[in-house]
Amino acid sequence: MLELNGVSRLFGGLQALNNVTMLVPAHRVVGLIGPNGAGKTTLINNISGLDHPTSGIIRFAGQAIHHLPPHRIAALGIARTFQNIRLFGELTALENLLISQHGQGNATVLDSLIVTARYRMEERRLRDTALRLLERFRLAGVAHQHAANLPYGDQRRLEMARALAMQPRLMLLDEPTAGMNPVETEQLGEQIIQLRAEGLTVLVIEHDMSLIHQVCDEVYVLNFGQIIAHGTPEQIKQNPVVIEAYLGREDRVEG
């Protein structure tokens, strides 16, 4: 579904991405791991259109997208979360989900001005979708609270619910469990597994290796902007190159 071929990104003299080639097959959960500064978020930004490669090609469902702006890429069916949460803090949890669905309605400006039957029906449909997502992510009890006032774990789940409200085919999750406790992390992992069962494709950046082992079918490892390993979570765990570059040498762990 998602293909990256020879993707590189230069920032002045800094090679943030170097000839990255990877494949995210449809209906799979693919992990992307690596040490801080490896280029993981830069890669997600290039896929989602917030940034663009210096060279290389990114294709989604066979279509080249590396030159497209974010709204065009989102319209094709790619949604993302952010490492640094980007909710509308002054809006409620429910309103955050409603606003994320703005591109899915068919009502015209005139419909909204005179509040036609089509407009009212559409508003009910979008509201019902938002409420179902809040229930799904254990957020129904905070539906009318401002997003900025929610606990950090709730904000993380709300951002994932907001991405899902866009009805994507591919979800890009940038450290979705950052700041969560082990129970919350496992619960979110169950949500990701359910997304795959529902037919979505997921690319997840994560430092928590327990989540990677819980949800991922395969894993890519990025280091200094280059892919240094690819395999199943178990293969990656035992890969000496990964142990050296990402997990740390055994003789260094206890220190």
C-alpha atoms as a PDB file:
ATOM      1  CA  MET A   1       0.000   0.000   0.000  1.00  0.00           C
ATOM      2  CA  LEU A   2       2.801   2.441   0.919  1.00  0.00           C
ATOM      3  CA  GLU A   3       6.135   2.324  -0.898  1.00  0.00           C
ATOM      4  CA  LEU A   4       9.246   4.393  -0.316  1.00  0.00           C
ATOM      5  CA  ASN A   5      12.000   4.103  -2.904  1.00  0.00           C
ATOM      6  CA  GLY A   6      15.356   5.783  -2.334  1.00  0.00           C
ATOM      7  CA  VAL A   7      13.914   8.559  -0.164  1.00  0.00           C
ATOM      8  CA  SER A   8      16.506  11.073   1.036  1.00  0.00           C
ATOM      9  CA  ARG A   9      16.132  14.384   2.856  1.00  0.00           C
ATOM     10  CA  LEU A  10      18.861  16.959   3.243  1.00  0.00           C
ATOM     11  CA  PHE A  11      18.666  19.920   5.613  1.00  0.00           C
ATOM     12  CA  GLY A  12      21.612  22.021   4.589  1.00  0.00           C
ATOM     13  CA  GLY A  13      24.557  19.741   5.257  1.00  0.00           C
ATOM     14  CA  LEU A  14      22.571  17.338   7.451  1.00  0.00           C
ATOM     15  CA  GLN A  15      21.497  14.056   5.854  1.00  0.00           C
ATOM     16  CA  ALA A  16      18.306  13.369   7.829  1.00  0.00           C
ATOM     17  CA  LEU A  17      17.197  10.523   5.540  1.00  0.00           C
ATOM     18  CA  ASN A  18      19.529   8.562   3.303  1.00  0.00           C
ATOM     19  CA  ASN A  19      18.170   6.354   0.508  1.00  0.00           C
ATOM     20  CA  VAL A  20      15.294   4.916   2.563  1.00  0.00           C
ATOM     21  CA  THR A  21      13.461   2.096   0.824  1.00  0.00           C
ATOM     22  CA  MET A  22      10.626   0.320   2.612  1.00  0.00           C
ATOM     23  CA  LEU A  23       7.226  -1.243   2.020  1.00  0.00           C
ATOM     24  CA  VAL A  24       4.127  -1.109   4.196  1.00  0.00           C
ATOM     25  CA  PRO A  25       1.755  -3.813   2.878  1.00  0.00           C
ATOM     26  CA  ALA A  26      -2.004  -3.392   3.101  1.00  0.00           C
ATOM     27  CA  HIS A  27      -3.739  -4.637   6.254  1.00  0.00           C
ATOM     28  CA  ARG A  28      -0.514  -4.938   8.220  1.00  0.00           C
ATOM     29  CA  VAL A  29       0.998  -3.189  11.218  1.00  0.00           C
ATOM     30  CA  VAL A  30       4.573  -2.158  10.473  1.00  0.00           C
ATOM     31  CA  GLY A  31       6.855  -0.742  13.143  1.00  0.00           C
ATOM     32  CA  LEU A  32       9.575   1.857  12.692  1.00  0.00           C
ATOM     33  CA  ILE A  33      12.102   2.024  15.507  1.00  0.00           C
ATOM     34  CA  GLY A  34      15.464   3.645  16.075  1.00  0.00           C
ATOM     35  CA  PRO A  35      17.367   5.846  18.521  1.00  0.00           C
ATOM     36  CA  ASN A  36      16.525   9.497  19.070  1.00  0.00           C
ATOM     37  CA  GLY A  37      17.550  11.592  16.099  1.00  0.00           C
ATOM     38  CA  ALA A  38      17.483   8.639  13.710  1.00  0.00           C
ATOM     39  CA  GLY A  39      15.072  10.421  11.342  1.00  0.00           C
ATOM     40  CA  LYS A  40      11.814   8.636  12.220  1.00  0.00           C
ATOM     41  CA  THR A  41       9.601  11.713  12.545  1.00  0.00           C
ATOM     42  CA  THR A  42      11.248  13.252   9.484  1.00  0.00           C
ATOM     43  CA  LEU A  43      10.211  10.156   7.570  1.00  0.00           C
ATOM     44  CA  ILE A  44       6.602  10.422   8.791  1.00  0.00           C
ATOM     45  CA  ASN A  45       6.579  14.125   7.885  1.00  0.00           C
ATOM     46  CA  ASN A  46       7.686  13.264   4.358  1.00  0.00           C
ATOM     47  CA  ILE A  47       4.965  10.649   3.996  1.00  0.00           C
ATOM     48  CA  SER A  48       2.231  12.958   5.305  1.00  0.00           C
ATOM     49  CA  GLY A  49       3.279  15.985   3.253  1.00  0.00           C
ATOM     50  CA  LEU A  50       4.493  18.249   6.072  1.00  0.00           C
ATOM     51  CA  ASP A  51       7.913  17.938   4.462  1.00  0.00           C
ATOM     52  CA  HIS A  52       9.109  16.684   1.085  1.00  0.00           C
ATOM     53  CA  PRO A  53      12.047  14.474   0.082  1.00  0.00           C
ATOM     54  CA  THR A  54      15.140  15.933  -1.515  1.00  0.00           C
ATOM     55  CA  SER A  55      15.117  12.845  -3.740  1.00  0.00           C
ATOM     56  CA  GLY A  56      13.276   9.552  -4.049  1.00  0.00           C
ATOM     57  CA  ILE A  57       9.656   8.516  -4.555  1.00  0.00           C
ATOM     58  CA  ILE A  58       6.815   7.844  -2.114  1.00  0.00           C
ATOM     59  CA  ARG A  59       3.772   6.023  -3.472  1.00  0.00           C
ATOM     60  CA  PHE A  60       0.440   5.339  -1.788  1.00  0.00           C
ATOM     61  CA  ALA A  61      -1.854   2.805  -3.465  1.00  0.00           C
ATOM     62  CA  GLY A  62       0.284   3.187  -6.588  1.00  0.00           C
ATOM     63  CA  GLN A  63       0.084   6.992  -6.713  1.00  0.00           C
ATOM     64  CA  ALA A  64       3.125   9.200  -6.213  1.00  0.00           C
ATOM     65  CA  ILE A  65       2.486  11.484  -3.230  1.00  0.00           C
ATOM     66  CA  HIS A  66       5.923  12.846  -2.316  1.00  0.00           C
ATOM     67  CA  HIS A  67       5.171  16.193  -4.002  1.00  0.00           C
ATOM     68  CA  LEU A  68       1.628  16.657  -2.635  1.00  0.00           C
ATOM     69  CA  PRO A  69       0.539  19.018   0.186  1.00  0.00           C
ATOM     70  CA  PRO A  70      -0.818  17.552   3.443  1.00  0.00           C
ATOM     71  CA  HIS A  71      -4.512  18.122   2.680  1.00  0.00           C
ATOM     72  CA  ARG A  72      -4.249  16.265  -0.619  1.00  0.00           C
ATOM     73  CA  ILE A  73      -2.497  13.343   1.055  1.00  0.00           C
ATOM     74  CA  ALA A  74      -5.096  13.257   3.839  1.00  0.00           C
ATOM     75  CA  ALA A  75      -7.874  13.208   1.243  1.00  0.00           C
ATOM     76  CA  LEU A  76      -6.300  10.094  -0.317  1.00  0.00           C
ATOM     77  CA  GLY A  77      -6.750   8.261   2.992  1.00  0.00           C
ATOM     78  CA  ILE A  78      -3.657   8.878   5.139  1.00  0.00           C
ATOM     79  CA  ALA A  79      -4.129  10.119   8.711  1.00  0.00           C
ATOM     80  CA  ARG A  80      -1.489  10.659  11.376  1.00  0.00           C
ATOM     81  CA  THR A  81      -0.868  11.436  15.008  1.00  0.00           C
ATOM     82  CA  PHE A  82       1.998  13.559  16.278  1.00  0.00           C
ATOM     83  CA  GLN A  83       4.846  12.983  18.688  1.00  0.00           C
ATOM     84  CA  ASN A  84       3.916  16.307  20.259  1.00  0.00           C
ATOM     85  CA  ILE A  85       0.155  16.297  20.714  1.00  0.00           C
ATOM     86  CA  ARG A  86      -1.664  18.724  18.397  1.00  0.00           C
ATOM     87  CA  LEU A  87      -5.233  18.776  19.618  1.00  0.00           C
ATOM     88  CA  PHE A  88      -7.455  21.861  19.597  1.00  0.00           C
ATOM     89  CA  GLY A  89      -7.087  22.522  23.305  1.00  0.00           C
ATOM     90  CA  GLU A  90      -9.870  25.096  23.508  1.00  0.00           C
ATOM     91  CA  LEU A  91     -12.383  22.666  21.977  1.00  0.00           C
ATOM     92  CA  THR A  92     -14.002  19.739  23.753  1.00  0.00           C
ATOM     93  CA  ALA A  93     -13.070  16.148  23.032  1.00  0.00           C
ATOM     94  CA  LEU A  94     -16.302  15.772  21.059  1.00  0.00           C
ATOM     95  CA  GLU A  95     -15.669  18.938  19.064  1.00  0.00           C
ATOM     96  CA  ASN A  96     -12.162  17.742  18.183  1.00  0.00           C
ATOM     97  CA  LEU A  97     -13.666  14.650  16.578  1.00  0.00           C
ATOM     98  CA  LEU A  98     -16.406  16.619  14.829  1.00  0.00           C
ATOM     99  CA  ILE A  99     -13.963  19.072  13.273  1.00  0.00           C
ATOM    100  CA  SER A 100     -11.778  16.216  12.018  1.00  0.00           C
ATOM    101  CA  GLN A 101     -14.719  15.001   9.922  1.00  0.00           C
ATOM    102  CA  HIS A 102     -15.246  18.301   8.107  1.00  0.00           C
ATOM    103  CA  GLY A 103     -14.190  16.834   4.760  1.00  0.00           C
ATOM    104  CA  GLN A 104     -16.655  13.945   4.883  1.00  0.00           C
ATOM    105  CA  GLY A 105     -19.913  15.875   4.634  1.00  0.00           C
ATOM    106  CA  ASN A 106     -21.949  16.618   1.523  1.00  0.00           C
ATOM    107  CA  ALA A 107     -24.049  19.467   2.855  1.00  0.00           C
ATOM    108  CA  THR A 108     -23.565  22.799   1.086  1.00  0.00           C
ATOM    109  CA  VAL A 109     -23.018  26.209   2.646  1.00  0.00           C
ATOM    110  CA  LEU A 110     -26.651  26.990   1.845  1.00  0.00           C
ATOM    111  CA  ASP A 111     -27.744  23.805   3.655  1.00  0.00           C
ATOM    112  CA  SER A 112     -25.913  24.951   6.769  1.00  0.00           C
ATOM    113  CA  LEU A 113     -27.263  28.500   6.570  1.00  0.00           C
ATOM    114  CA  ILE A 114     -30.906  27.504   6.383  1.00  0.00           C
ATOM    115  CA  VAL A 115     -30.457  24.253   8.357  1.00  0.00           C
ATOM    116  CA  THR A 116     -31.973  21.900   5.791  1.00  0.00           C
ATOM    117  CA  ALA A 117     -33.023  18.322   6.506  1.00  0.00           C
ATOM    118  CA  ARG A 118     -29.876  17.114   4.746  1.00  0.00           C
ATOM    119  CA  TYR A 119     -27.738  19.297   7.007  1.00  0.00           C
ATOM    120  CA  ARG A 120     -29.477  18.054  10.177  1.00  0.00           C
ATOM    121  CA  MET A 121     -29.141  14.418   9.076  1.00  0.00           C
ATOM    122  CA  GLU A 122     -25.480  14.892   8.303  1.00  0.00           C
ATOM    123  CA  GLU A 123     -24.797  16.567  11.636  1.00  0.00           C
ATOM    124  CA  ARG A 124     -26.420  13.641  13.449  1.00  0.00           C
ATOM    125  CA  ARG A 125     -24.356  11.141  11.490  1.00  0.00           C
ATOM    126  CA  LEU A 126     -21.075  12.903  12.232  1.00  0.00           C
ATOM    127  CA  ARG A 127     -21.991  13.319  15.884  1.00  0.00           C
ATOM    128  CA  ASP A 128     -22.899   9.641  16.181  1.00  0.00           C
ATOM    129  CA  THR A 129     -19.543   8.695  14.641  1.00  0.00           C
ATOM    130  CA  ALA A 130     -17.708  10.947  17.090  1.00  0.00           C
ATOM    131  CA  LEU A 131     -19.583   9.518  20.073  1.00  0.00           C
ATOM    132  CA  ARG A 132     -18.831   5.951  18.988  1.00  0.00           C
ATOM    133  CA  LEU A 133     -15.136   6.775  18.748  1.00  0.00           C
ATOM    134  CA  LEU A 134     -15.146   8.380  22.178  1.00  0.00           C
ATOM    135  CA  GLU A 135     -16.748   5.242  23.569  1.00  0.00           C
ATOM    136  CA  ARG A 136     -14.249   3.042  21.757  1.00  0.00           C
ATOM    137  CA  PHE A 137     -11.262   4.882  23.213  1.00  0.00           C
ATOM    138  CA  ARG A 138     -12.717   5.077  26.722  1.00  0.00           C
ATOM    139  CA  LEU A 139     -13.320   8.811  26.434  1.00  0.00           C
ATOM    140  CA  ALA A 140     -17.107   9.009  26.595  1.00  0.00           C
ATOM    141  CA  GLY A 141     -16.970  10.404  30.124  1.00  0.00           C
ATOM    142  CA  VAL A 142     -14.857  13.387  29.021  1.00  0.00           C
ATOM    143  CA  ALA A 143     -16.716  14.177  25.787  1.00  0.00           C
ATOM    144  CA  HIS A 144     -17.581  17.717  26.887  1.00  0.00           C
ATOM    145  CA  GLN A 145     -14.301  18.574  28.584  1.00  0.00           C
ATOM    146  CA  HIS A 146     -11.777  20.835  26.862  1.00  0.00           C
ATOM    147  CA  ALA A 147      -8.977  18.807  25.322  1.00  0.00           C
ATOM    148  CA  ALA A 148      -6.332  20.929  27.046  1.00  0.00           C
ATOM    149  CA  ASN A 149      -7.712  19.918  30.445  1.00  0.00           C
ATOM    150  CA  LEU A 150      -7.603  16.171  29.826  1.00  0.00           C
ATOM    151  CA  PRO A 151      -4.953  13.922  31.401  1.00  0.00           C
ATOM    152  CA  TYR A 152      -2.033  13.188  29.107  1.00  0.00           C
ATOM    153  CA  GLY A 153      -3.098   9.599  28.412  1.00  0.00           C
ATOM    154  CA  ASP A 154      -6.589  10.758  27.442  1.00  0.00           C
ATOM    155  CA  GLN A 155      -5.108  13.340  25.089  1.00  0.00           C
ATOM    156  CA  ARG A 156      -3.057  10.605  23.421  1.00  0.00           C
ATOM    157  CA  ARG A 157      -6.148   8.453  22.907  1.00  0.00           C
ATOM    158  CA  LEU A 158      -8.148  11.434  21.677  1.00  0.00           C
ATOM    159  CA  GLU A 159      -5.533  12.216  19.047  1.00  0.00           C
ATOM    160  CA  MET A 160      -5.705   8.635  17.809  1.00  0.00           C
ATOM    161  CA  ALA A 161      -9.523   8.788  17.785  1.00  0.00           C
ATOM    162  CA  ARG A 162      -9.341  12.029  15.814  1.00  0.00           C
ATOM    163  CA  ALA A 163      -7.115  10.410  13.195  1.00  0.00           C
ATOM    164  CA  LEU A 164      -9.513   7.468  12.952  1.00  0.00           C
ATOM    165  CA  ALA A 165     -12.470   9.851  12.541  1.00  0.00           C
ATOM    166  CA  MET A 166     -10.982  10.812   9.163  1.00  0.00           C
ATOM    167  CA  GLN A 167     -11.762   7.243   7.996  1.00  0.00           C
ATOM    168  CA  PRO A 168      -8.245   6.626   6.664  1.00  0.00           C
ATOM    169  CA  ARG A 169      -6.857   3.620   4.868  1.00  0.00           C
ATOM    170  CA  LEU A 170      -3.392   4.185   6.373  1.00  0.00           C
ATOM    171  CA  MET A 171      -2.650   5.496   9.865  1.00  0.00           C
ATOM    172  CA  LEU A 172       0.745   6.918  10.793  1.00  0.00           C
ATOM    173  CA  LEU A 173       1.237   6.790  14.561  1.00  0.00           C
ATOM    174  CA  ASP A 174       4.174   8.797  15.911  1.00  0.00           C
ATOM    175  CA  GLU A 175       4.946   7.459  19.412  1.00  0.00           C
ATOM    176  CA  PRO A 176       1.277   6.952  20.336  1.00  0.00           C
ATOM    177  CA  THR A 177       2.007   5.599  23.835  1.00  0.00           C
ATOM    178  CA  ALA A 178       4.466   8.291  24.956  1.00  0.00           C
ATOM    179  CA  GLY A 179       3.688   9.155  28.573  1.00  0.00           C
ATOM    180  CA  MET A 180       1.305   6.231  29.058  1.00  0.00           C
ATOM    181  CA  ASN A 181       1.613   3.656  31.824  1.00  0.00           C
ATOM    182  CA  PRO A 182       1.948  -0.082  30.977  1.00  0.00           C
ATOM    183  CA  VAL A 183      -1.799  -0.747  31.302  1.00  0.00           C
ATOM    184  CA  GLU A 184      -2.696   2.159  28.994  1.00  0.00           C
ATOM    185  CA  THR A 185      -0.009   1.036  26.551  1.00  0.00           C
ATOM    186  CA  GLU A 186      -1.386  -2.494  26.379  1.00  0.00           C
ATOM    187  CA  GLN A 187      -4.920  -1.182  25.904  1.00  0.00           C
ATOM    188  CA  LEU A 188      -3.829   1.055  23.054  1.00  0.00           C
ATOM    189  CA  GLY A 189      -2.002  -1.899  21.541  1.00  0.00           C
ATOM    190  CA  GLU A 190      -5.290  -3.804  21.547  1.00  0.00           C
ATOM    191  CA  GLN A 191      -6.855  -0.889  19.660  1.00  0.00           C
ATOM    192  CA  ILE A 192      -4.116  -1.037  17.017  1.00  0.00           C
ATOM    193  CA  ILE A 193      -4.621  -4.788  16.586  1.00  0.00           C
ATOM    194  CA  GLN A 194      -8.354  -4.148  16.174  1.00  0.00           C
ATOM    195  CA  LEU A 195      -7.653  -1.531  13.505  1.00  0.00           C
ATOM    196  CA  ARG A 196      -5.733  -4.136  11.519  1.00  0.00           C
ATOM    197  CA  ALA A 197      -8.620  -6.596  11.932  1.00  0.00           C
ATOM    198  CA  GLU A 198     -10.930  -3.921  10.507  1.00  0.00           C
ATOM    199  CA  GLY A 199      -8.786  -3.621   7.391  1.00  0.00           C
ATOM    200  CA  LEU A 200      -6.616  -0.601   8.177  1.00  0.00           C
ATOM    201  CA  THR A 201      -2.910  -0.404   7.529  1.00  0.00           C
ATOM    202  CA  VAL A 202      -0.726   1.071  10.271  1.00  0.00           C
ATOM    203  CA  LEU A 203       2.823   2.417  10.391  1.00  0.00           C
ATOM    204  CA  VAL A 204       3.824   3.003  14.005  1.00  0.00           C
ATOM    205  CA  ILE A 205       6.893   4.749  15.437  1.00  0.00           C
ATOM    206  CA  GLU A 206       7.459   3.623  18.993  1.00  0.00           C
ATOM    207  CA  HIS A 207      10.192   3.405  21.625  1.00  0.00           C
ATOM    208  CA  ASP A 208       8.235   0.982  23.801  1.00  0.00           C
ATOM    209  CA  MET A 209       9.404  -2.409  22.572  1.00  0.00           C
ATOM    210  CA  SER A 210       6.587  -4.194  24.398  1.00  0.00           C
ATOM    211  CA  LEU A 211       4.108  -2.435  22.090  1.00  0.00           C
ATOM    212  CA  ILE A 212       6.198  -3.261  19.021  1.00  0.00           C
ATOM    213  CA  HIS A 213       6.133  -6.950  19.964  1.00  0.00           C
ATOM    214  CA  GLN A 214       2.427  -6.787  20.784  1.00  0.00           C
ATOM    215  CA  VAL A 215       1.160  -5.250  17.536  1.00  0.00           C
ATOM    216  CA  CYS A 216       3.712  -5.368  14.698  1.00  0.00           C
ATOM    217  CA  ASP A 217       3.852  -7.899  11.874  1.00  0.00           C
ATOM    218  CA  GLU A 218       7.242  -6.568  10.804  1.00  0.00           C
ATOM    219  CA  VAL A 219       9.675  -3.876  11.868  1.00  0.00           C
ATOM    220  CA  TYR A 220      12.125  -1.535  10.157  1.00  0.00           C
ATOM    221  CA  VAL A 221      15.050  -0.071  12.084  1.00  0.00           C
ATOM    222  CA  LEU A 222      16.304   3.406  11.206  1.00  0.00           C
ATOM    223  CA  ASN A 223      19.685   4.728  12.339  1.00  0.00           C
ATOM    224  CA  PHE A 224      21.354   7.950  11.168  1.00  0.00           C
ATOM    225  CA  GLY A 225      18.704   8.236   8.457  1.00  0.00           C
ATOM    226  CA  GLN A 226      19.309   4.764   7.000  1.00  0.00           C
ATOM    227  CA  ILE A 227      17.407   1.480   7.251  1.00  0.00           C
ATOM    228  CA  ILE A 228      19.793  -0.927   8.980  1.00  0.00           C
ATOM    229  CA  ALA A 229      17.467  -3.899   9.579  1.00  0.00           C
ATOM    230  CA  HIS A 230      14.066  -5.311   8.652  1.00  0.00           C
ATOM    231  CA  GLY A 231      12.260  -8.372   9.964  1.00  0.00           C
ATOM    232  CA  THR A 232       9.766  -9.706  12.449  1.00  0.00           C
ATOM    233  CA  PRO A 233       9.840  -8.267  15.977  1.00  0.00           C
ATOM    234  CA  GLU A 234      11.614 -11.397  17.210  1.00  0.00           C
ATOM    235  CA  GLN A 235      14.217 -11.208  14.440  1.00  0.00           C
ATOM    236  CA  ILE A 236      14.827  -7.543  15.187  1.00  0.00           C
ATOM    237  CA  LYS A 237      15.180  -8.275  18.901  1.00  0.00           C
ATOM    238  CA  GLN A 238      17.967 -10.758  18.174  1.00  0.00           C
ATOM    239  CA  ASN A 239      19.703  -8.787  15.406  1.00  0.00           C
ATOM    240  CA  PRO A 240      23.229  -7.855  16.613  1.00  0.00           C
ATOM    241  CA  VAL A 241      23.279  -4.698  14.466  1.00  0.00           C
ATOM    242  CA  VAL A 242      20.085  -3.499  16.138  1.00  0.00           C
ATOM    243  CA  ILE A 243      21.336  -4.447  19.588  1.00  0.00           C
ATOM    244  CA  GLU A 244      24.422  -2.331  18.956  1.00  0.00           C
ATOM    245  CA  ALA A 245      22.671   0.663  17.357  1.00  0.00           C
ATOM    246  CA  TYR A 246      19.349   0.814  19.178  1.00  0.00           C
ATOM    247  CA  LEU A 247      18.996  -1.441  22.173  1.00  0.00           C
ATOM    248  CA  GLY A 248      22.566  -0.946  23.382  1.00  0.00           C
ATOM    249  CA  ARG A 249      25.249  -3.530  23.966  1.00  0.00           C
ATOM    250  CA  GLU A 250      24.521  -6.080  26.680  1.00  0.00           C
ATOM    251  CA  ASP A 251      27.579  -4.994  28.613  1.00  0.00           C
ATOM    252  CA  ARG A 252      26.233  -1.419  28.677  1.00  0.00           C
ATOM    253  CA  VAL A 253      22.648  -2.108  29.713  1.00  0.00           C
ATOM    254  CA  GLU A 254      23.259  -2.558  33.444  1.00  0.00           C
ATOM    255  CA  GLY A 255      25.304   0.597  33.728  1.00  0.00           C
END
